[in-house]
Amino acid sequence: MRHALSGLNAWLVQRLSAVYSLLFIVYLSLHFLLEPPGSYEQWQQWMRQPLVSTASLIFFGALSLHMWVGLRDVVLDYVHSPGLRVCLLASVAIGLAAMAAWTARILLG
């Protein structure tokens, strides 16, 4: 059985999400070094810009995928009991989905 995020696909997702995350963090660092917000309202106004909120949403999506691939590989490599493996993978998936939903609610709400 072939999985969508295994082998070369998992490697590619891991690398692309890492590159996007690095670029986004560099952008945020430069923005806050060169143009720091003076108040919470200014920061909130900046975050409400469509480009910034979309880039942030993509960042957290990429971060979630990156964590899923990494944690899945660790579980598959070190947990040998099939029942425990399924429970751990389900717990990781539920946790990541909950964090993704919470992040989307914050950024889009």
PDB file of N, CA and C in Angstrom:
ATOM      1  N   MET A   1       0.848  -1.182   0.000  1.00  0.00           N
ATOM      2  CA  MET A   1       0.000   0.000   0.000  1.00  0.00           C
ATOM      3  C   MET A   1       0.891   1.243   0.000  1.00  0.00           C
ATOM      4  N   ARG A   2       0.552   2.194  -0.840  1.00  0.00           N
ATOM      5  CA  ARG A   2       1.357   3.408  -0.982  1.00  0.00           C
ATOM      6  C   ARG A   2       0.672   4.567  -0.249  1.00  0.00           C
ATOM      7  N   HIS A   3       1.411   5.266   0.584  1.00  0.00           N
ATOM      8  CA  HIS A   3       0.878   6.403   1.340  1.00  0.00           C
ATOM      9  C   HIS A   3       1.262   7.704   0.653  1.00  0.00           C
ATOM     10  N   ALA A   4       0.403   8.696   0.773  1.00  0.00           N
ATOM     11  CA  ALA A   4       0.632   9.978   0.110  1.00  0.00           C
ATOM     12  C   ALA A   4       1.855  10.695   0.673  1.00  0.00           C
ATOM     13  N   LEU A   5       2.084  10.575   1.975  1.00  0.00           N
ATOM     14  CA  LEU A   5       3.224  11.259   2.583  1.00  0.00           C
ATOM     15  C   LEU A   5       4.258  10.253   3.053  1.00  0.00           C
ATOM     16  N   SER A   6       4.779   9.490   2.123  1.00  0.00           N
ATOM     17  CA  SER A   6       5.856   8.565   2.457  1.00  0.00           C
ATOM     18  C   SER A   6       6.918   8.645   1.373  1.00  0.00           C
ATOM     19  N   GLY A   7       8.099   8.208   1.706  1.00  0.00           N
ATOM     20  CA  GLY A   7       9.185   8.195   0.731  1.00  0.00           C
ATOM     21  C   GLY A   7       9.553   9.576   0.232  1.00  0.00           C
ATOM     22  N   LEU A   8       9.645   9.713  -1.074  1.00  0.00           N
ATOM     23  CA  LEU A   8      10.061  10.969  -1.691  1.00  0.00           C
ATOM     24  C   LEU A   8       9.061  12.097  -1.416  1.00  0.00           C
ATOM     25  N   ASN A   9       7.771  11.776  -1.391  1.00  0.00           N
ATOM     26  CA  ASN A   9       6.764  12.809  -1.112  1.00  0.00           C
ATOM     27  C   ASN A   9       6.947  13.392   0.288  1.00  0.00           C
ATOM     28  N   ALA A  10       7.186  12.543   1.278  1.00  0.00           N
ATOM     29  CA  ALA A  10       7.398  13.020   2.645  1.00  0.00           C
ATOM     30  C   ALA A  10       8.663  13.869   2.720  1.00  0.00           C
ATOM     31  N   TRP A  11       9.710  13.425   2.046  1.00  0.00           N
ATOM     32  CA  TRP A  11      10.959  14.172   2.034  1.00  0.00           C
ATOM     33  C   TRP A  11      10.739  15.555   1.421  1.00  0.00           C
ATOM     34  N   LEU A  12      10.005  15.601   0.309  1.00  0.00           N
ATOM     35  CA  LEU A  12       9.748  16.863  -0.373  1.00  0.00           C
ATOM     36  C   LEU A  12       8.899  17.801   0.484  1.00  0.00           C
ATOM     37  N   VAL A  13       7.865  17.278   1.122  1.00  0.00           N
ATOM     38  CA  VAL A  13       7.025  18.096   2.009  1.00  0.00           C
ATOM     39  C   VAL A  13       7.861  18.651   3.145  1.00  0.00           C
ATOM     40  N   GLN A  14       8.717  17.815   3.727  1.00  0.00           N
ATOM     41  CA  GLN A  14       9.572  18.244   4.841  1.00  0.00           C
ATOM     42  C   GLN A  14      10.500  19.379   4.401  1.00  0.00           C
ATOM     43  N   ARG A  15      11.124  19.234   3.240  1.00  0.00           N
ATOM     44  CA  ARG A  15      12.073  20.252   2.773  1.00  0.00           C
ATOM     45  C   ARG A  15      11.375  21.539   2.355  1.00  0.00           C
ATOM     46  N   LEU A  16      10.276  21.435   1.620  1.00  0.00           N
ATOM     47  CA  LEU A  16       9.559  22.644   1.186  1.00  0.00           C
ATOM     48  C   LEU A  16       8.969  23.408   2.369  1.00  0.00           C
ATOM     49  N   SER A  17       8.419  22.683   3.330  1.00  0.00           N
ATOM     50  CA  SER A  17       7.868  23.358   4.506  1.00  0.00           C
ATOM     51  C   SER A  17       8.979  24.020   5.316  1.00  0.00           C
ATOM     52  N   ALA A  18      10.157  23.396   5.379  1.00  0.00           N
ATOM     53  CA  ALA A  18      11.281  24.004   6.094  1.00  0.00           C
ATOM     54  C   ALA A  18      11.752  25.273   5.391  1.00  0.00           C
ATOM     55  N   VAL A  19      11.831  25.250   4.074  1.00  0.00           N
ATOM     56  CA  VAL A  19      12.277  26.429   3.317  1.00  0.00           C
ATOM     57  C   VAL A  19      11.269  27.566   3.477  1.00  0.00           C
ATOM     58  N   TYR A  20       9.977  27.259   3.342  1.00  0.00           N
ATOM     59  CA  TYR A  20       8.966  28.313   3.500  1.00  0.00           C
ATOM     60  C   TYR A  20       9.013  28.883   4.916  1.00  0.00           C
ATOM     61  N   SER A  21       9.132  28.012   5.913  1.00  0.00           N
ATOM     62  CA  SER A  21       9.183  28.471   7.303  1.00  0.00           C
ATOM     63  C   SER A  21      10.385  29.381   7.536  1.00  0.00           C
ATOM     64  N   LEU A  22      11.525  29.004   6.995  1.00  0.00           N
ATOM     65  CA  LEU A  22      12.719  29.825   7.148  1.00  0.00           C
ATOM     66  C   LEU A  22      12.520  31.195   6.498  1.00  0.00           C
ATOM     67  N   LEU A  23      11.997  31.220   5.292  1.00  0.00           N
ATOM     68  CA  LEU A  23      11.766  32.492   4.607  1.00  0.00           C
ATOM     69  C   LEU A  23      10.762  33.361   5.362  1.00  0.00           C
ATOM     70  N   PHE A  24       9.728  32.748   5.884  1.00  0.00           N
ATOM     71  CA  PHE A  24       8.714  33.501   6.632  1.00  0.00           C
ATOM     72  C   PHE A  24       9.308  34.070   7.924  1.00  0.00           C
ATOM     73  N   ILE A  25      10.113  33.288   8.619  1.00  0.00           N
ATOM     74  CA  ILE A  25      10.728  33.764   9.863  1.00  0.00           C
ATOM     75  C   ILE A  25      11.713  34.898   9.580  1.00  0.00           C
ATOM     76  N   VAL A  26      12.466  34.796   8.502  1.00  0.00           N
ATOM     77  CA  VAL A  26      13.378  35.880   8.120  1.00  0.00           C
ATOM     78  C   VAL A  26      12.578  37.143   7.803  1.00  0.00           C
ATOM     79  N   TYR A  27      11.476  36.987   7.066  1.00  0.00           N
ATOM     80  CA  TYR A  27      10.621  38.134   6.749  1.00  0.00           C
ATOM     81  C   TYR A  27      10.081  38.783   8.028  1.00  0.00           C
ATOM     82  N   LEU A  28       9.556  37.968   8.948  1.00  0.00           N
ATOM     83  CA  LEU A  28       9.034  38.519  10.202  1.00  0.00           C
ATOM     84  C   LEU A  28      10.122  39.225  11.001  1.00  0.00           C
ATOM     85  N   SER A  29      11.287  38.607  11.074  1.00  0.00           N
ATOM     86  CA  SER A  29      12.394  39.207  11.832  1.00  0.00           C
ATOM     87  C   SER A  29      12.777  40.556  11.247  1.00  0.00           C
ATOM     88  N   LEU A  30      12.930  40.603   9.930  1.00  0.00           N
ATOM     89  CA  LEU A  30      13.284  41.876   9.291  1.00  0.00           C
ATOM     90  C   LEU A  30      12.195  42.919   9.478  1.00  0.00           C
ATOM     91  N   HIS A  31      10.952  42.497   9.330  1.00  0.00           N
ATOM     92  CA  HIS A  31       9.851  43.450   9.496  1.00  0.00           C
ATOM     93  C   HIS A  31       9.851  44.042  10.902  1.00  0.00           C
ATOM     94  N   PHE A  32      10.005  43.196  11.917  1.00  0.00           N
ATOM     95  CA  PHE A  32       9.944  43.699  13.285  1.00  0.00           C
ATOM     96  C   PHE A  32      11.218  44.434  13.698  1.00  0.00           C
ATOM     97  N   LEU A  33      12.334  44.177  13.024  1.00  0.00           N
ATOM     98  CA  LEU A  33      13.546  44.947  13.286  1.00  0.00           C
ATOM     99  C   LEU A  33      13.472  46.325  12.644  1.00  0.00           C
ATOM    100  N   LEU A  34      12.978  46.371  11.412  1.00  0.00           N
ATOM    101  CA  LEU A  34      12.957  47.631  10.668  1.00  0.00           C
ATOM    102  C   LEU A  34      11.719  48.478  10.959  1.00  0.00           C
ATOM    103  N   GLU A  35      10.617  47.854  11.276  1.00  0.00           N
ATOM    104  CA  GLU A  35       9.356  48.567  11.461  1.00  0.00           C
ATOM    105  C   GLU A  35       8.561  47.964  12.621  1.00  0.00           C
ATOM    106  N   PRO A  36       9.082  48.066  13.841  1.00  0.00           N
ATOM    107  CA  PRO A  36       8.374  47.436  14.961  1.00  0.00           C
ATOM    108  C   PRO A  36       7.054  48.153  15.245  1.00  0.00           C
ATOM    109  N   PRO A  37       6.025  47.374  15.549  1.00  0.00           N
ATOM    110  CA  PRO A  37       4.744  48.018  15.867  1.00  0.00           C
ATOM    111  C   PRO A  37       4.844  48.742  17.211  1.00  0.00           C
ATOM    112  N   GLY A  38       4.245  49.931  17.257  1.00  0.00           N
ATOM    113  CA  GLY A  38       4.300  50.730  18.476  1.00  0.00           C
ATOM    114  C   GLY A  38       3.259  50.344  19.500  1.00  0.00           C
ATOM    115  N   SER A  39       2.227  49.650  19.062  1.00  0.00           N
ATOM    116  CA  SER A  39       1.158  49.269  19.981  1.00  0.00           C
ATOM    117  C   SER A  39       0.504  47.976  19.497  1.00  0.00           C
ATOM    118  N   TYR A  40      -0.334  47.435  20.351  1.00  0.00           N
ATOM    119  CA  TYR A  40      -1.060  46.218  19.998  1.00  0.00           C
ATOM    120  C   TYR A  40      -1.984  46.478  18.818  1.00  0.00           C
ATOM    121  N   GLU A  41      -2.592  47.659  18.762  1.00  0.00           N
ATOM    122  CA  GLU A  41      -3.497  47.989  17.671  1.00  0.00           C
ATOM    123  C   GLU A  41      -2.769  48.031  16.329  1.00  0.00           C
ATOM    124  N   GLN A  42      -1.547  48.571  16.320  1.00  0.00           N
ATOM    125  CA  GLN A  42      -0.765  48.598  15.078  1.00  0.00           C
ATOM    126  C   GLN A  42      -0.399  47.180  14.643  1.00  0.00           C
ATOM    127  N   TRP A  43      -0.010  46.347  15.604  1.00  0.00           N
ATOM    128  CA  TRP A  43       0.323  44.963  15.278  1.00  0.00           C
ATOM    129  C   TRP A  43      -0.899  44.236  14.743  1.00  0.00           C
ATOM    130  N   GLN A  44      -2.047  44.451  15.380  1.00  0.00           N
ATOM    131  CA  GLN A  44      -3.279  43.810  14.943  1.00  0.00           C
ATOM    132  C   GLN A  44      -3.676  44.289  13.545  1.00  0.00           C
ATOM    133  N   GLN A  45      -3.523  45.568  13.284  1.00  0.00           N
ATOM    134  CA  GLN A  45      -3.832  46.117  11.958  1.00  0.00           C
ATOM    135  C   GLN A  45      -2.910  45.509  10.904  1.00  0.00           C
ATOM    136  N   TRP A  46      -1.636  45.350  11.225  1.00  0.00           N
ATOM    137  CA  TRP A  46      -0.692  44.745  10.293  1.00  0.00           C
ATOM    138  C   TRP A  46      -1.064  43.294  10.014  1.00  0.00           C
ATOM    139  N   MET A  47      -1.451  42.558  11.049  1.00  0.00           N
ATOM    140  CA  MET A  47      -1.822  41.150  10.895  1.00  0.00           C
ATOM    141  C   MET A  47      -3.121  40.973  10.114  1.00  0.00           C
ATOM    142  N   ARG A  48      -3.963  41.984  10.087  1.00  0.00           N
ATOM    143  CA  ARG A  48      -5.235  41.893   9.356  1.00  0.00           C
ATOM    144  C   ARG A  48      -5.081  42.131   7.856  1.00  0.00           C
ATOM    145  N   GLN A  49      -3.903  42.526   7.423  1.00  0.00           N
ATOM    146  CA  GLN A  49      -3.679  42.692   5.988  1.00  0.00           C
ATOM    147  C   GLN A  49      -3.781  41.316   5.329  1.00  0.00           C
ATOM    148  N   PRO A  50      -4.474  41.232   4.200  1.00  0.00           N
ATOM    149  CA  PRO A  50      -4.699  39.920   3.574  1.00  0.00           C
ATOM    150  C   PRO A  50      -3.414  39.154   3.254  1.00  0.00           C
ATOM    151  N   LEU A  51      -2.403  39.846   2.764  1.00  0.00           N
ATOM    152  CA  LEU A  51      -1.161  39.160   2.414  1.00  0.00           C
ATOM    153  C   LEU A  51      -0.476  38.592   3.662  1.00  0.00           C
ATOM    154  N   VAL A  52      -0.449  39.363   4.727  1.00  0.00           N
ATOM    155  CA  VAL A  52       0.215  38.916   5.963  1.00  0.00           C
ATOM    156  C   VAL A  52      -0.558  37.767   6.606  1.00  0.00           C
ATOM    157  N   SER A  53      -1.878  37.883   6.683  1.00  0.00           N
ATOM    158  CA  SER A  53      -2.653  36.801   7.306  1.00  0.00           C
ATOM    159  C   SER A  53      -2.616  35.531   6.466  1.00  0.00           C
ATOM    160  N   THR A  54      -2.608  35.671   5.146  1.00  0.00           N
ATOM    161  CA  THR A  54      -2.507  34.493   4.278  1.00  0.00           C
ATOM    162  C   THR A  54      -1.134  33.834   4.416  1.00  0.00           C
ATOM    163  N   ALA A  55      -0.072  34.645   4.420  1.00  0.00           N
ATOM    164  CA  ALA A  55       1.278  34.101   4.598  1.00  0.00           C
ATOM    165  C   ALA A  55       1.420  33.422   5.955  1.00  0.00           C
ATOM    166  N   SER A  56       0.801  34.000   6.983  1.00  0.00           N
ATOM    167  CA  SER A  56       0.845  33.388   8.319  1.00  0.00           C
ATOM    168  C   SER A  56       0.085  32.074   8.340  1.00  0.00           C
ATOM    169  N   LEU A  57      -1.055  32.034   7.686  1.00  0.00           N
ATOM    170  CA  LEU A  57      -1.838  30.802   7.628  1.00  0.00           C
ATOM    171  C   LEU A  57      -1.073  29.707   6.883  1.00  0.00           C
ATOM    172  N   ILE A  58      -0.431  30.072   5.787  1.00  0.00           N
ATOM    173  CA  ILE A  58       0.392  29.104   5.049  1.00  0.00           C
ATOM    174  C   ILE A  58       1.560  28.636   5.907  1.00  0.00           C
ATOM    175  N   PHE A  59       2.157  29.560   6.667  1.00  0.00           N
ATOM    176  CA  PHE A  59       3.264  29.194   7.552  1.00  0.00           C
ATOM    177  C   PHE A  59       2.825  28.139   8.567  1.00  0.00           C
ATOM    178  N   PHE A  60       1.685  28.365   9.210  1.00  0.00           N
ATOM    179  CA  PHE A  60       1.239  27.404  10.216  1.00  0.00           C
ATOM    180  C   PHE A  60       0.790  26.092   9.587  1.00  0.00           C
ATOM    181  N   GLY A  61       0.269  26.143   8.365  1.00  0.00           N
ATOM    182  CA  GLY A  61      -0.038  24.913   7.650  1.00  0.00           C
ATOM    183  C   GLY A  61       1.230  24.139   7.322  1.00  0.00           C
ATOM    184  N   ALA A  62       2.256  24.853   6.851  1.00  0.00           N
ATOM    185  CA  ALA A  62       3.540  24.216   6.548  1.00  0.00           C
ATOM    186  C   ALA A  62       4.183  23.666   7.815  1.00  0.00           C
ATOM    187  N   LEU A  63       4.060  24.401   8.906  1.00  0.00           N
ATOM    188  CA  LEU A  63       4.600  23.935  10.182  1.00  0.00           C
ATOM    189  C   LEU A  63       3.894  22.666  10.646  1.00  0.00           C
ATOM    190  N   SER A  64       2.572  22.612  10.481  1.00  0.00           N
ATOM    191  CA  SER A  64       1.819  21.413  10.851  1.00  0.00           C
ATOM    192  C   SER A  64       2.231  20.206  10.008  1.00  0.00           C
ATOM    193  N   LEU A  65       2.374  20.409   8.707  1.00  0.00           N
ATOM    194  CA  LEU A  65       2.827  19.313   7.837  1.00  0.00           C
ATOM    195  C   LEU A  65       4.236  18.859   8.209  1.00  0.00           C
ATOM    196  N   HIS A  66       5.103  19.808   8.493  1.00  0.00           N
ATOM    197  CA  HIS A  66       6.473  19.499   8.873  1.00  0.00           C
ATOM    198  C   HIS A  66       6.488  18.663  10.163  1.00  0.00           C
ATOM    199  N   MET A  67       5.678  19.082  11.136  1.00  0.00           N
ATOM    200  CA  MET A  67       5.611  18.330  12.390  1.00  0.00           C
ATOM    201  C   MET A  67       5.024  16.941  12.168  1.00  0.00           C
ATOM    202  N   TRP A  68       3.998  16.833  11.329  1.00  0.00           N
ATOM    203  CA  TRP A  68       3.381  15.534  11.077  1.00  0.00           C
ATOM    204  C   TRP A  68       4.391  14.557  10.475  1.00  0.00           C
ATOM    205  N   VAL A  69       5.115  14.993   9.461  1.00  0.00           N
ATOM    206  CA  VAL A  69       6.071  14.099   8.808  1.00  0.00           C
ATOM    207  C   VAL A  69       7.164  13.689   9.802  1.00  0.00           C
ATOM    208  N   GLY A  70       7.684  14.630  10.555  1.00  0.00           N
ATOM    209  CA  GLY A  70       8.741  14.326  11.512  1.00  0.00           C
ATOM    210  C   GLY A  70       8.282  13.406  12.627  1.00  0.00           C
ATOM    211  N   LEU A  71       7.140  13.720  13.242  1.00  0.00           N
ATOM    212  CA  LEU A  71       6.639  12.895  14.335  1.00  0.00           C
ATOM    213  C   LEU A  71       6.196  11.525  13.846  1.00  0.00           C
ATOM    214  N   ARG A  72       5.609  11.488  12.663  1.00  0.00           N
ATOM    215  CA  ARG A  72       5.203  10.196  12.097  1.00  0.00           C
ATOM    216  C   ARG A  72       6.416   9.297  11.873  1.00  0.00           C
ATOM    217  N   ASP A  73       7.484   9.870  11.347  1.00  0.00           N
ATOM    218  CA  ASP A  73       8.694   9.082  11.121  1.00  0.00           C
ATOM    219  C   ASP A  73       9.288   8.572  12.429  1.00  0.00           C
ATOM    220  N   VAL A  74       9.283   9.407  13.466  1.00  0.00           N
ATOM    221  CA  VAL A  74       9.799   8.975  14.765  1.00  0.00           C
ATOM    222  C   VAL A  74       8.956   7.832  15.318  1.00  0.00           C
ATOM    223  N   VAL A  75       7.639   7.968  15.267  1.00  0.00           N
ATOM    224  CA  VAL A  75       6.753   6.911  15.767  1.00  0.00           C
ATOM    225  C   VAL A  75       6.949   5.628  14.969  1.00  0.00           C
ATOM    226  N   LEU A  76       6.992   5.731  13.653  1.00  0.00           N
ATOM    227  CA  LEU A  76       7.164   4.533  12.837  1.00  0.00           C
ATOM    228  C   LEU A  76       8.517   3.859  13.075  1.00  0.00           C
ATOM    229  N   ASP A  77       9.546   4.652  13.365  1.00  0.00           N
ATOM    230  CA  ASP A  77      10.875   4.086  13.579  1.00  0.00           C
ATOM    231  C   ASP A  77      11.038   3.454  14.961  1.00  0.00           C
ATOM    232  N   TYR A  78      10.408   4.028  15.988  1.00  0.00           N
ATOM    233  CA  TYR A  78      10.717   3.612  17.359  1.00  0.00           C
ATOM    234  C   TYR A  78       9.599   2.896  18.091  1.00  0.00           C
ATOM    235  N   VAL A  79       8.374   2.950  17.587  1.00  0.00           N
ATOM    236  CA  VAL A  79       7.265   2.252  18.243  1.00  0.00           C
ATOM    237  C   VAL A  79       6.948   1.012  17.419  1.00  0.00           C
ATOM    238  N   HIS A  80       7.178  -0.147  18.004  1.00  0.00           N
ATOM    239  CA  HIS A  80       7.050  -1.394  17.248  1.00  0.00           C
ATOM    240  C   HIS A  80       5.706  -2.091  17.462  1.00  0.00           C
ATOM    241  N   SER A  81       5.001  -1.747  18.508  1.00  0.00           N
ATOM    242  CA  SER A  81       3.689  -2.338  18.757  1.00  0.00           C
ATOM    243  C   SER A  81       2.653  -1.680  17.838  1.00  0.00           C
ATOM    244  N   PRO A  82       1.971  -2.468  16.993  1.00  0.00           N
ATOM    245  CA  PRO A  82       1.005  -1.864  16.059  1.00  0.00           C
ATOM    246  C   PRO A  82      -0.120  -1.096  16.760  1.00  0.00           C
ATOM    247  N   GLY A  83      -0.615  -1.603  17.852  1.00  0.00           N
ATOM    248  CA  GLY A  83      -1.700  -0.919  18.553  1.00  0.00           C
ATOM    249  C   GLY A  83      -1.263   0.414  19.132  1.00  0.00           C
ATOM    250  N   LEU A  84      -0.101   0.409  19.781  1.00  0.00           N
ATOM    251  CA  LEU A  84       0.433   1.650  20.343  1.00  0.00           C
ATOM    252  C   LEU A  84       0.786   2.637  19.242  1.00  0.00           C
ATOM    253  N   ARG A  85       1.307   2.140  18.135  1.00  0.00           N
ATOM    254  CA  ARG A  85       1.658   2.987  16.992  1.00  0.00           C
ATOM    255  C   ARG A  85       0.417   3.703  16.458  1.00  0.00           C
ATOM    256  N   VAL A  86      -0.676   2.974  16.298  1.00  0.00           N
ATOM    257  CA  VAL A  86      -1.917   3.577  15.798  1.00  0.00           C
ATOM    258  C   VAL A  86      -2.432   4.621  16.787  1.00  0.00           C
ATOM    259  N   CYS A  87      -2.399   4.296  18.078  1.00  0.00           N
ATOM    260  CA  CYS A  87      -2.868   5.256  19.093  1.00  0.00           C
ATOM    261  C   CYS A  87      -2.028   6.529  19.095  1.00  0.00           C
ATOM    262  N   LEU A  88      -0.719   6.368  19.020  1.00  0.00           N
ATOM    263  CA  LEU A  88       0.150   7.549  19.006  1.00  0.00           C
ATOM    264  C   LEU A  88      -0.039   8.385  17.746  1.00  0.00           C
ATOM    265  N   LEU A  89      -0.128   7.725  16.599  1.00  0.00           N
ATOM    266  CA  LEU A  89      -0.332   8.465  15.354  1.00  0.00           C
ATOM    267  C   LEU A  89      -1.680   9.182  15.346  1.00  0.00           C
ATOM    268  N   ALA A  90      -2.711   8.530  15.883  1.00  0.00           N
ATOM    269  CA  ALA A  90      -4.030   9.174  15.971  1.00  0.00           C
ATOM    270  C   ALA A  90      -3.975  10.368  16.917  1.00  0.00           C
ATOM    271  N   SER A  91      -3.270  10.221  18.034  1.00  0.00           N
ATOM    272  CA  SER A  91      -3.150  11.330  18.985  1.00  0.00           C
ATOM    273  C   SER A  91      -2.414  12.508  18.368  1.00  0.00           C
ATOM    274  N   VAL A  92      -1.337  12.224  17.657  1.00  0.00           N
ATOM    275  CA  VAL A  92      -0.584  13.293  16.989  1.00  0.00           C
ATOM    276  C   VAL A  92      -1.464  13.968  15.939  1.00  0.00           C
ATOM    277  N   ALA A  93      -2.180  13.175  15.142  1.00  0.00           N
ATOM    278  CA  ALA A  93      -3.042  13.747  14.102  1.00  0.00           C
ATOM    279  C   ALA A  93      -4.146  14.613  14.699  1.00  0.00           C
ATOM    280  N   ILE A  94      -4.768  14.140  15.768  1.00  0.00           N
ATOM    281  CA  ILE A  94      -5.834  14.918  16.422  1.00  0.00           C
ATOM    282  C   ILE A  94      -5.270  16.204  17.011  1.00  0.00           C
ATOM    283  N   GLY A  95      -4.104  16.103  17.659  1.00  0.00           N
ATOM    284  CA  GLY A  95      -3.481  17.295  18.236  1.00  0.00           C
ATOM    285  C   GLY A  95      -3.113  18.324  17.176  1.00  0.00           C
ATOM    286  N   LEU A  96      -2.527  17.867  16.085  1.00  0.00           N
ATOM    287  CA  LEU A  96      -2.160  18.793  15.016  1.00  0.00           C
ATOM    288  C   LEU A  96      -3.388  19.405  14.342  1.00  0.00           C
ATOM    289  N   ALA A  97      -4.433  18.611  14.161  1.00  0.00           N
ATOM    290  CA  ALA A  97      -5.671  19.142  13.570  1.00  0.00           C
ATOM    291  C   ALA A  97      -6.297  20.188  14.490  1.00  0.00           C
ATOM    292  N   ALA A  98      -6.269  19.929  15.791  1.00  0.00           N
ATOM    293  CA  ALA A  98      -6.825  20.892  16.749  1.00  0.00           C
ATOM    294  C   ALA A  98      -6.020  22.196  16.733  1.00  0.00           C
ATOM    295  N   MET A  99      -4.699  22.075  16.702  1.00  0.00           N
ATOM    296  CA  MET A  99      -3.865  23.282  16.642  1.00  0.00           C
ATOM    297  C   MET A  99      -4.080  24.051  15.337  1.00  0.00           C
ATOM    298  N   ALA A 100      -4.228  23.320  14.232  1.00  0.00           N
ATOM    299  CA  ALA A 100      -4.473  23.974  12.945  1.00  0.00           C
ATOM    300  C   ALA A 100      -5.817  24.700  12.945  1.00  0.00           C
ATOM    301  N   ALA A 101      -6.838  24.075  13.512  1.00  0.00           N
ATOM    302  CA  ALA A 101      -8.158  24.710  13.583  1.00  0.00           C
ATOM    303  C   ALA A 101      -8.117  25.951  14.469  1.00  0.00           C
ATOM    304  N   TRP A 102      -7.415  25.853  15.580  1.00  0.00           N
ATOM    305  CA  TRP A 102      -7.301  26.985  16.501  1.00  0.00           C
ATOM    306  C   TRP A 102      -6.552  28.139  15.827  1.00  0.00           C
ATOM    307  N   THR A 103      -5.483  27.819  15.125  1.00  0.00           N
ATOM    308  CA  THR A 103      -4.704  28.841  14.425  1.00  0.00           C
ATOM    309  C   THR A 103      -5.545  29.502  13.323  1.00  0.00           C
ATOM    310  N   ALA A 104      -6.278  28.707  12.564  1.00  0.00           N
ATOM    311  CA  ALA A 104      -7.130  29.262  11.506  1.00  0.00           C
ATOM    312  C   ALA A 104      -8.208  30.168  12.112  1.00  0.00           C
ATOM    313  N   ARG A 105      -8.761  29.768  13.235  1.00  0.00           N
ATOM    314  CA  ARG A 105      -9.789  30.589  13.903  1.00  0.00           C
ATOM    315  C   ARG A 105      -9.196  31.921  14.336  1.00  0.00           C
ATOM    316  N   ILE A 106      -7.986  31.903  14.857  1.00  0.00           N
ATOM    317  CA  ILE A 106      -7.338  33.139  15.306  1.00  0.00           C
ATOM    318  C   ILE A 106      -7.020  34.043  14.107  1.00  0.00           C
ATOM    319  N   LEU A 107      -6.431  33.458  13.070  1.00  0.00           N
ATOM    320  CA  LEU A 107      -5.998  34.286  11.940  1.00  0.00           C
ATOM    321  C   LEU A 107      -7.136  34.746  11.053  1.00  0.00           C
ATOM    322  N   LEU A 108      -8.170  33.949  10.932  1.00  0.00           N
ATOM    323  CA  LEU A 108      -9.275  34.310  10.050  1.00  0.00           C
ATOM    324  C   LEU A 108     -10.440  34.951  10.781  1.00  0.00           C
ATOM    325  N   GLY A 109     -10.466  34.803  12.092  1.00  0.00           N
ATOM    326  CA  GLY A 109     -11.590  35.317  12.868  1.00  0.00           C
ATOM    327  C   GLY A 109     -11.317  36.686  13.343  1.00  0.00           C
TER     328      GLY A 109
END
